[in-house]
């Protein structure tokens, strides 16, 4: 279990370092990615979880 947490922590460090390097190298593109890309990611996540909740309910009530 400890090895899994350590691997996840190392992976997180690598992702964070690469994102920081990208932000320093391409400031305008990273600004776009943060403020536009994250908005799109949040909307996709809301859509995905809404579908996960509503489809089984629709199947139970016979709406699909």
C-alpha atoms as a PDB file:
ATOM      1  CA  UNK A   1       0.000   0.000   0.000  1.00  0.00           C
ATOM      2  CA  UNK A   2       2.851   2.333   0.820  1.00  0.00           C
ATOM      3  CA  UNK A   3       4.463   1.621  -2.556  1.00  0.00           C
ATOM      4  CA  UNK A   4       1.263   2.632  -4.342  1.00  0.00           C
ATOM      5  CA  UNK A   5       1.063   5.926  -2.444  1.00  0.00           C
ATOM      6  CA  UNK A   6       4.737   6.589  -3.151  1.00  0.00           C
ATOM      7  CA  UNK A   7       4.261   5.924  -6.876  1.00  0.00           C
ATOM      8  CA  UNK A   8       1.248   8.232  -7.007  1.00  0.00           C
ATOM      9  CA  UNK A   9       3.157  10.938  -5.154  1.00  0.00           C
ATOM     10  CA  UNK A  10       6.116  10.682  -7.556  1.00  0.00           C
ATOM     11  CA  UNK A  11       3.777  10.780 -10.548  1.00  0.00           C
ATOM     12  CA  UNK A  12       2.093  13.875  -9.112  1.00  0.00           C
ATOM     13  CA  UNK A  13       5.484  15.556  -8.639  1.00  0.00           C
ATOM     14  CA  UNK A  14       6.464  14.838 -12.262  1.00  0.00           C
ATOM     15  CA  UNK A  15       3.164  16.202 -13.601  1.00  0.00           C
ATOM     16  CA  UNK A  16       3.480  19.329 -11.464  1.00  0.00           C
ATOM     17  CA  UNK A  17       7.079  19.929 -12.586  1.00  0.00           C
ATOM     18  CA  UNK A  18       6.149  19.545 -16.244  1.00  0.00           C
ATOM     19  CA  UNK A  19       3.168  21.880 -15.861  1.00  0.00           C
ATOM     20  CA  UNK A  20       5.356  24.473 -14.148  1.00  0.00           C
ATOM     21  CA  UNK A  21       7.991  24.190 -16.880  1.00  0.00           C
ATOM     22  CA  UNK A  22       5.284  24.604 -19.529  1.00  0.00           C
ATOM     23  CA  UNK A  23       3.831  27.650 -17.744  1.00  0.00           C
ATOM     24  CA  UNK A  24       7.219  29.375 -17.595  1.00  0.00           C
ATOM     25  CA  UNK A  25       8.052  28.543 -21.196  1.00  0.00           C
ATOM     26  CA  UNK A  26       4.628  29.409 -22.699  1.00  0.00           C
ATOM     27  CA  UNK A  27       2.871  31.939 -20.417  1.00  0.00           C
ATOM     28  CA  UNK A  28       0.068  32.932 -22.811  1.00  0.00           C
ATOM     29  CA  UNK A  29      -0.746  29.393 -23.811  1.00  0.00           C
ATOM     30  CA  UNK A  30      -0.777  28.265 -20.188  1.00  0.00           C
ATOM     31  CA  UNK A  31      -3.111  31.170 -19.316  1.00  0.00           C
ATOM     32  CA  UNK A  32      -5.477  29.946 -22.051  1.00  0.00           C
ATOM     33  CA  UNK A  33      -5.166  26.350 -20.854  1.00  0.00           C
ATOM     34  CA  UNK A  34      -5.928  27.252 -17.245  1.00  0.00           C
ATOM     35  CA  UNK A  35      -8.860  29.594 -17.734  1.00  0.00           C
ATOM     36  CA  UNK A  36     -10.468  28.051 -20.808  1.00  0.00           C
ATOM     37  CA  UNK A  37      -9.327  24.435 -20.609  1.00  0.00           C
ATOM     38  CA  UNK A  38     -10.244  23.999 -16.952  1.00  0.00           C
ATOM     39  CA  UNK A  39     -13.686  25.473 -17.592  1.00  0.00           C
ATOM     40  CA  UNK A  40     -14.272  22.935 -20.341  1.00  0.00           C
ATOM     41  CA  UNK A  41     -12.994  20.116 -18.093  1.00  0.00           C
ATOM     42  CA  UNK A  42     -15.411  21.114 -15.324  1.00  0.00           C
ATOM     43  CA  UNK A  43     -18.338  21.254 -17.754  1.00  0.00           C
ATOM     44  CA  UNK A  44     -17.446  17.830 -19.157  1.00  0.00           C
ATOM     45  CA  UNK A  45     -17.229  16.385 -15.643  1.00  0.00           C
ATOM     46  CA  UNK A  46     -20.632  17.841 -14.707  1.00  0.00           C
ATOM     47  CA  UNK A  47     -22.163  16.411 -17.875  1.00  0.00           C
ATOM     48  CA  UNK A  48     -20.576  12.988 -17.298  1.00  0.00           C
ATOM     49  CA  UNK A  49     -21.735  12.668 -13.695  1.00  0.00           C
ATOM     50  CA  UNK A  50     -25.207  13.966 -14.556  1.00  0.00           C
ATOM     51  CA  UNK A  51     -25.542  11.268 -17.194  1.00  0.00           C
ATOM     52  CA  UNK A  52     -24.326   8.623 -14.730  1.00  0.00           C
ATOM     53  CA  UNK A  53     -27.079   9.635 -12.297  1.00  0.00           C
ATOM     54  CA  UNK A  54     -29.960  10.254 -14.712  1.00  0.00           C
ATOM     55  CA  UNK A  55     -29.636   7.272 -17.081  1.00  0.00           C
ATOM     56  CA  UNK A  56     -30.293   4.590 -14.435  1.00  0.00           C
ATOM     57  CA  UNK A  57     -33.252   6.601 -13.109  1.00  0.00           C
ATOM     58  CA  UNK A  58     -34.610   6.944 -16.653  1.00  0.00           C
ATOM     59  CA  UNK A  59     -34.227   3.212 -17.203  1.00  0.00           C
ATOM     60  CA  UNK A  60     -36.041   2.420 -13.932  1.00  0.00           C
ATOM     61  CA  UNK A  61     -39.013   4.652 -14.817  1.00  0.00           C
ATOM     62  CA  UNK A  62     -39.096   3.466 -18.443  1.00  0.00           C
ATOM     63  CA  UNK A  63     -38.300   6.826 -20.029  1.00  0.00           C
ATOM     64  CA  UNK A  64     -35.616   5.304 -22.267  1.00  0.00           C
END
